Amino acid sequence: MKKKTILFLLAIFSNLNIMAQTSVNPIQLAFNEGEDLISVRGNLTNGIILNDLSWAWRSSVACFPENQAEYFTGNQVFYQLDLPSYTSFVITVTPDDRNANFSLYAYELGRLRPENMPPNIKRCVRCEADHYFERDWKNRPNDHTRTVKDILAIRNPYQVLIAVVGANGLSEGEFQLEIKSSPYRRPTRE
């Protein structure tokens, strides 16, 4: 019994330690009428390095595959915001230095708690990621900006965790984070 209690307490302190080390910057949705864009300035030096990225390629998260892990090895700066029902987000990060290699991911979940922060996250509703690609894709620019789409809520609202990440161990660099909100309308069949 004593061993189980110690393990339980270690798990709690481990989760609290992750949250203490991981500063999550809240973003308030405060769109004025006619405006659908929020812009936030940030710097990778305010982030942390996650030594364990295996949560990202777990099938219940499916954020990015293991062979793309190098693009997520630098400092990670976290932002959290609420995603209202019938809303979709397009999230873009633009580094100030056009030569800086940044990555971006965002995931939706019911409520952000210590146990569902990376690297502890076990599952999420949806996760999208973007990073530099070695080759060009049709209809997709391969410049210094990174964008994730399809962050959306239909009937139920969610919380969204956004991570701006330095690729290949990058630990500093200023950036502009933009969240574009729009009403979600189900695609119609013709």
C-alpha atoms as a PDB file:
ATOM      1  CA  MET A   1       0.000   0.000   0.000  1.00  0.00           C
ATOM      2  CA  LYS A   2       2.819   2.378   0.881  1.00  0.00           C
ATOM      3  CA  LYS A   3       4.499   1.768  -2.497  1.00  0.00           C
ATOM      4  CA  LYS A   4       1.266   2.625  -4.386  1.00  0.00           C
ATOM      5  CA  THR A   5       0.871   5.851  -2.408  1.00  0.00           C
ATOM      6  CA  ILE A   6       4.439   6.901  -3.188  1.00  0.00           C
ATOM      7  CA  LEU A   7       3.965   6.153  -6.893  1.00  0.00           C
ATOM      8  CA  PHE A   8       0.697   8.114  -6.897  1.00  0.00           C
ATOM      9  CA  LEU A   9       2.354  11.117  -5.236  1.00  0.00           C
ATOM     10  CA  LEU A  10       5.269  10.947  -7.688  1.00  0.00           C
ATOM     11  CA  ALA A  11       2.800  11.006 -10.587  1.00  0.00           C
ATOM     12  CA  ILE A  12       1.044  14.066  -9.154  1.00  0.00           C
ATOM     13  CA  PHE A  13       4.320  15.927  -8.568  1.00  0.00           C
ATOM     14  CA  SER A  14       5.516  14.968 -12.030  1.00  0.00           C
ATOM     15  CA  ASN A  15       2.379  16.471 -13.589  1.00  0.00           C
ATOM     16  CA  LEU A  16       2.649  19.600 -11.456  1.00  0.00           C
ATOM     17  CA  ASN A  17       6.317  19.900 -12.416  1.00  0.00           C
ATOM     18  CA  ILE A  18       5.429  19.725 -16.136  1.00  0.00           C
ATOM     19  CA  MET A  19       2.830  22.476 -15.691  1.00  0.00           C
ATOM     20  CA  ALA A  20       5.247  24.568 -13.620  1.00  0.00           C
ATOM     21  CA  GLN A  21       7.923  24.250 -16.292  1.00  0.00           C
ATOM     22  CA  THR A  22       5.420  24.737 -19.095  1.00  0.00           C
ATOM     23  CA  SER A  23       4.091  28.239 -19.160  1.00  0.00           C
ATOM     24  CA  VAL A  24       0.856  28.307 -21.113  1.00  0.00           C
ATOM     25  CA  ASN A  25      -0.066  31.743 -22.420  1.00  0.00           C
ATOM     26  CA  PRO A  26      -3.833  32.235 -22.470  1.00  0.00           C
ATOM     27  CA  ILE A  27      -5.336  34.044 -25.457  1.00  0.00           C
ATOM     28  CA  GLN A  28      -8.732  35.617 -25.004  1.00  0.00           C
ATOM     29  CA  LEU A  29     -11.115  35.636 -27.934  1.00  0.00           C
ATOM     30  CA  ALA A  30     -12.119  39.257 -28.144  1.00  0.00           C
ATOM     31  CA  PHE A  31     -13.112  39.778 -31.747  1.00  0.00           C
ATOM     32  CA  ASN A  32     -14.688  43.111 -32.450  1.00  0.00           C
ATOM     33  CA  GLU A  33     -17.599  43.095 -34.841  1.00  0.00           C
ATOM     34  CA  GLY A  34     -16.310  42.554 -38.344  1.00  0.00           C
ATOM     35  CA  GLU A  35     -12.878  41.454 -37.094  1.00  0.00           C
ATOM     36  CA  ASP A  36     -11.870  37.829 -37.160  1.00  0.00           C
ATOM     37  CA  LEU A  37      -8.125  37.947 -36.544  1.00  0.00           C
ATOM     38  CA  ILE A  38      -6.109  37.911 -33.323  1.00  0.00           C
ATOM     39  CA  SER A  39      -2.376  38.600 -33.430  1.00  0.00           C
ATOM     40  CA  VAL A  40       0.152  37.811 -30.678  1.00  0.00           C
ATOM     41  CA  ARG A  41       3.911  38.474 -30.508  1.00  0.00           C
ATOM     42  CA  GLY A  42       6.216  35.865 -28.993  1.00  0.00           C
ATOM     43  CA  ASN A  43       9.790  34.597 -28.686  1.00  0.00           C
ATOM     44  CA  LEU A  44      11.094  31.025 -28.592  1.00  0.00           C
ATOM     45  CA  THR A  45      13.379  31.928 -25.673  1.00  0.00           C
ATOM     46  CA  ASN A  46      10.226  31.863 -23.495  1.00  0.00           C
ATOM     47  CA  GLY A  47       9.613  28.195 -24.317  1.00  0.00           C
ATOM     48  CA  ILE A  48      10.885  24.834 -23.145  1.00  0.00           C
ATOM     49  CA  ILE A  49      12.394  21.800 -24.862  1.00  0.00           C
ATOM     50  CA  LEU A  50      10.410  18.572 -24.685  1.00  0.00           C
ATOM     51  CA  ASN A  51      12.797  15.632 -24.567  1.00  0.00           C
ATOM     52  CA  ASP A  52      10.016  13.119 -25.203  1.00  0.00           C
ATOM     53  CA  LEU A  53       7.999  13.592 -28.400  1.00  0.00           C
ATOM     54  CA  SER A  54       6.591  10.051 -28.622  1.00  0.00           C
ATOM     55  CA  TRP A  55       3.129  11.306 -27.619  1.00  0.00           C
ATOM     56  CA  ALA A  56       2.852  13.018 -31.041  1.00  0.00           C
ATOM     57  CA  TRP A  57       2.888   9.840 -33.117  1.00  0.00           C
ATOM     58  CA  ARG A  58       0.629   7.871 -30.797  1.00  0.00           C
ATOM     59  CA  SER A  59      -2.454   6.898 -32.859  1.00  0.00           C
ATOM     60  CA  SER A  60      -4.832   8.519 -30.354  1.00  0.00           C
ATOM     61  CA  VAL A  61      -3.067  11.881 -30.895  1.00  0.00           C
ATOM     62  CA  ALA A  62      -1.654  11.595 -34.457  1.00  0.00           C
ATOM     63  CA  CYS A  63      -0.025  15.020 -34.564  1.00  0.00           C
ATOM     64  CA  PHE A  64       3.080  14.250 -36.636  1.00  0.00           C
ATOM     65  CA  PRO A  65       4.955  11.034 -37.488  1.00  0.00           C
ATOM     66  CA  GLU A  66       8.170   9.966 -35.780  1.00  0.00           C
ATOM     67  CA  ASN A  67      10.274  10.588 -38.899  1.00  0.00           C
ATOM     68  CA  GLN A  68       9.398  14.309 -38.651  1.00  0.00           C
ATOM     69  CA  ALA A  69      10.408  14.684 -34.991  1.00  0.00           C
ATOM     70  CA  GLU A  70      13.524  16.743 -35.860  1.00  0.00           C
ATOM     71  CA  TYR A  71      11.228  19.638 -36.800  1.00  0.00           C
ATOM     72  CA  PHE A  72       9.902  19.779 -33.221  1.00  0.00           C
ATOM     73  CA  THR A  73      13.127  19.510 -31.160  1.00  0.00           C
ATOM     74  CA  GLY A  74      13.629  23.201 -30.306  1.00  0.00           C
ATOM     75  CA  ASN A  75      11.961  25.377 -27.709  1.00  0.00           C
ATOM     76  CA  GLN A  76       8.174  25.165 -27.569  1.00  0.00           C
ATOM     77  CA  VAL A  77       6.023  28.147 -26.623  1.00  0.00           C
ATOM     78  CA  PHE A  78       2.451  27.235 -25.653  1.00  0.00           C
ATOM     79  CA  TYR A  79      -0.775  29.181 -26.071  1.00  0.00           C
ATOM     80  CA  GLN A  80      -4.269  28.178 -25.013  1.00  0.00           C
ATOM     81  CA  LEU A  81      -7.631  29.493 -26.140  1.00  0.00           C
ATOM     82  CA  ASP A  82     -11.254  28.456 -26.244  1.00  0.00           C
ATOM     83  CA  LEU A  83     -12.826  27.288 -29.495  1.00  0.00           C
ATOM     84  CA  PRO A  84     -16.552  28.124 -29.497  1.00  0.00           C
ATOM     85  CA  SER A  85     -19.158  25.868 -31.095  1.00  0.00           C
ATOM     86  CA  TYR A  86     -19.586  26.208 -34.862  1.00  0.00           C
ATOM     87  CA  THR A  87     -16.234  27.939 -35.255  1.00  0.00           C
ATOM     88  CA  SER A  88     -13.047  27.122 -37.133  1.00  0.00           C
ATOM     89  CA  PHE A  89      -9.524  28.481 -36.718  1.00  0.00           C
ATOM     90  CA  VAL A  90      -6.659  28.923 -39.141  1.00  0.00           C
ATOM     91  CA  ILE A  91      -3.462  29.460 -37.139  1.00  0.00           C
ATOM     92  CA  THR A  92      -0.294  30.913 -38.692  1.00  0.00           C
ATOM     93  CA  VAL A  93       3.136  31.639 -37.251  1.00  0.00           C
ATOM     94  CA  THR A  94       5.550  33.965 -39.056  1.00  0.00           C
ATOM     95  CA  PRO A  95       9.131  34.214 -37.758  1.00  0.00           C
ATOM     96  CA  ASP A  96      10.703  37.688 -37.869  1.00  0.00           C
ATOM     97  CA  ASP A  97      13.818  36.111 -39.399  1.00  0.00           C
ATOM     98  CA  ARG A  98      12.848  34.732 -42.810  1.00  0.00           C
ATOM     99  CA  ASN A  99      15.658  32.154 -42.536  1.00  0.00           C
ATOM    100  CA  ALA A 100      14.486  30.763 -39.172  1.00  0.00           C
ATOM    101  CA  ASN A 101      13.011  27.284 -39.304  1.00  0.00           C
ATOM    102  CA  PHE A 102       9.896  27.136 -37.136  1.00  0.00           C
ATOM    103  CA  SER A 103       7.181  24.499 -36.782  1.00  0.00           C
ATOM    104  CA  LEU A 104       3.644  24.697 -35.468  1.00  0.00           C
ATOM    105  CA  TYR A 105       1.052  22.337 -34.042  1.00  0.00           C
ATOM    106  CA  ALA A 106      -2.343  22.746 -32.416  1.00  0.00           C
ATOM    107  CA  TYR A 107      -4.686  20.266 -30.823  1.00  0.00           C
ATOM    108  CA  GLU A 108      -8.235  20.305 -29.505  1.00  0.00           C
ATOM    109  CA  LEU A 109      -9.465  18.732 -26.300  1.00  0.00           C
ATOM    110  CA  GLY A 110     -12.282  19.052 -23.804  1.00  0.00           C
ATOM    111  CA  ARG A 111     -10.320  20.810 -21.073  1.00  0.00           C
ATOM    112  CA  LEU A 112      -6.630  21.606 -20.697  1.00  0.00           C
ATOM    113  CA  ARG A 113      -5.220  19.922 -17.586  1.00  0.00           C
ATOM    114  CA  PRO A 114      -1.687  18.956 -16.508  1.00  0.00           C
ATOM    115  CA  GLU A 115      -2.269  15.368 -17.615  1.00  0.00           C
ATOM    116  CA  ASN A 116      -3.045  16.384 -21.200  1.00  0.00           C
ATOM    117  CA  MET A 117      -0.111  18.710 -21.736  1.00  0.00           C
ATOM    118  CA  PRO A 118       2.808  17.398 -23.800  1.00  0.00           C
ATOM    119  CA  PRO A 119       4.507  15.021 -23.142  1.00  0.00           C
ATOM    120  CA  ASN A 120       1.730  13.537 -20.965  1.00  0.00           C
ATOM    121  CA  ILE A 121      -1.123  13.808 -23.469  1.00  0.00           C
ATOM    122  CA  LYS A 122      -2.729  10.446 -24.221  1.00  0.00           C
ATOM    123  CA  ARG A 123      -5.459  11.507 -26.681  1.00  0.00           C
ATOM    124  CA  CYS A 124      -7.089  14.544 -28.212  1.00  0.00           C
ATOM    125  CA  VAL A 125     -10.007  15.371 -30.482  1.00  0.00           C
ATOM    126  CA  ARG A 126      -7.816  16.588 -33.347  1.00  0.00           C
ATOM    127  CA  CYS A 127      -4.200  17.599 -33.857  1.00  0.00           C
ATOM    128  CA  GLU A 128      -2.749  19.417 -36.875  1.00  0.00           C
ATOM    129  CA  ALA A 129       0.914  20.271 -37.503  1.00  0.00           C
ATOM    130  CA  ASP A 130       2.997  22.137 -40.080  1.00  0.00           C
ATOM    131  CA  HIS A 131       6.755  22.275 -40.613  1.00  0.00           C
ATOM    132  CA  TYR A 132       9.319  22.785 -43.354  1.00  0.00           C
ATOM    133  CA  PHE A 133       9.138  20.248 -46.184  1.00  0.00           C
ATOM    134  CA  GLU A 134      12.217  19.212 -48.137  1.00  0.00           C
ATOM    135  CA  ARG A 135      10.362  19.426 -51.425  1.00  0.00           C
ATOM    136  CA  ASP A 136       7.660  21.710 -52.787  1.00  0.00           C
ATOM    137  CA  TRP A 137       4.063  20.604 -52.829  1.00  0.00           C
ATOM    138  CA  LYS A 138       1.517  21.727 -55.364  1.00  0.00           C
ATOM    139  CA  ASN A 139      -0.583  24.655 -54.074  1.00  0.00           C
ATOM    140  CA  ARG A 140       1.476  24.905 -50.872  1.00  0.00           C
ATOM    141  CA  PRO A 141       4.211  27.491 -50.457  1.00  0.00           C
ATOM    142  CA  ASN A 142       7.313  26.291 -48.656  1.00  0.00           C
ATOM    143  CA  ASP A 143       8.380  29.598 -47.170  1.00  0.00           C
ATOM    144  CA  HIS A 144       9.117  30.618 -43.571  1.00  0.00           C
ATOM    145  CA  THR A 145       5.456  30.731 -42.454  1.00  0.00           C
ATOM    146  CA  ARG A 146       3.670  27.739 -40.942  1.00  0.00           C
ATOM    147  CA  THR A 147      -0.096  27.269 -40.923  1.00  0.00           C
ATOM    148  CA  VAL A 148      -2.506  24.757 -39.436  1.00  0.00           C
ATOM    149  CA  LYS A 149      -6.090  24.549 -40.644  1.00  0.00           C
ATOM    150  CA  ASP A 150      -9.119  22.489 -39.734  1.00  0.00           C
ATOM    151  CA  ILE A 151      -9.083  23.364 -36.052  1.00  0.00           C
ATOM    152  CA  LEU A 152     -12.853  23.365 -35.678  1.00  0.00           C
ATOM    153  CA  ALA A 153     -15.747  22.769 -33.353  1.00  0.00           C
ATOM    154  CA  ILE A 154     -19.174  21.777 -34.557  1.00  0.00           C
ATOM    155  CA  ARG A 155     -21.661  21.246 -31.761  1.00  0.00           C
ATOM    156  CA  ASN A 156     -19.331  21.108 -28.738  1.00  0.00           C
ATOM    157  CA  PRO A 157     -16.838  23.815 -27.773  1.00  0.00           C
ATOM    158  CA  TYR A 158     -13.232  22.795 -27.092  1.00  0.00           C
ATOM    159  CA  GLN A 159     -10.006  24.172 -25.744  1.00  0.00           C
ATOM    160  CA  VAL A 160      -7.066  24.476 -28.121  1.00  0.00           C
ATOM    161  CA  LEU A 161      -3.387  24.203 -27.232  1.00  0.00           C
ATOM    162  CA  ILE A 162      -1.075  25.859 -29.769  1.00  0.00           C
ATOM    163  CA  ALA A 163       2.681  25.239 -29.791  1.00  0.00           C
ATOM    164  CA  VAL A 164       5.152  27.376 -31.716  1.00  0.00           C
ATOM    165  CA  VAL A 165       8.313  25.294 -32.005  1.00  0.00           C
ATOM    166  CA  GLY A 166      11.879  25.800 -33.160  1.00  0.00           C
ATOM    167  CA  ALA A 167      12.964  23.130 -35.630  1.00  0.00           C
ATOM    168  CA  ASN A 168      16.285  21.285 -35.325  1.00  0.00           C
ATOM    169  CA  GLY A 169      16.904  22.509 -31.767  1.00  0.00           C
ATOM    170  CA  LEU A 170      16.250  26.215 -32.487  1.00  0.00           C
ATOM    171  CA  SER A 171      15.821  27.961 -29.125  1.00  0.00           C
ATOM    172  CA  GLU A 172      15.439  31.643 -29.954  1.00  0.00           C
ATOM    173  CA  GLY A 173      13.645  33.821 -32.433  1.00  0.00           C
ATOM    174  CA  GLU A 174      10.779  36.287 -32.402  1.00  0.00           C
ATOM    175  CA  PHE A 175       7.530  35.536 -34.181  1.00  0.00           C
ATOM    176  CA  GLN A 176       4.009  36.713 -34.916  1.00  0.00           C
ATOM    177  CA  LEU A 177       1.180  34.257 -34.150  1.00  0.00           C
ATOM    178  CA  GLU A 178      -2.150  34.873 -35.875  1.00  0.00           C
ATOM    179  CA  ILE A 179      -5.453  33.126 -35.245  1.00  0.00           C
ATOM    180  CA  LYS A 180      -8.134  33.675 -37.865  1.00  0.00           C
ATOM    181  CA  SER A 181     -11.617  32.721 -36.760  1.00  0.00           C
ATOM    182  CA  SER A 182     -14.587  32.035 -38.990  1.00  0.00           C
ATOM    183  CA  PRO A 183     -18.015  30.472 -38.563  1.00  0.00           C
ATOM    184  CA  TYR A 184     -18.005  26.782 -39.410  1.00  0.00           C
ATOM    185  CA  ARG A 185     -20.515  25.745 -42.021  1.00  0.00           C
ATOM    186  CA  ARG A 186     -20.882  22.133 -42.970  1.00  0.00           C
ATOM    187  CA  PRO A 187     -19.927  21.557 -46.609  1.00  0.00           C
ATOM    188  CA  THR A 188     -22.959  21.046 -48.817  1.00  0.00           C
ATOM    189  CA  ARG A 189     -23.314  18.271 -51.346  1.00  0.00           C
ATOM    190  CA  GLU A 190     -24.199  19.210 -54.872  1.00  0.00           C
END
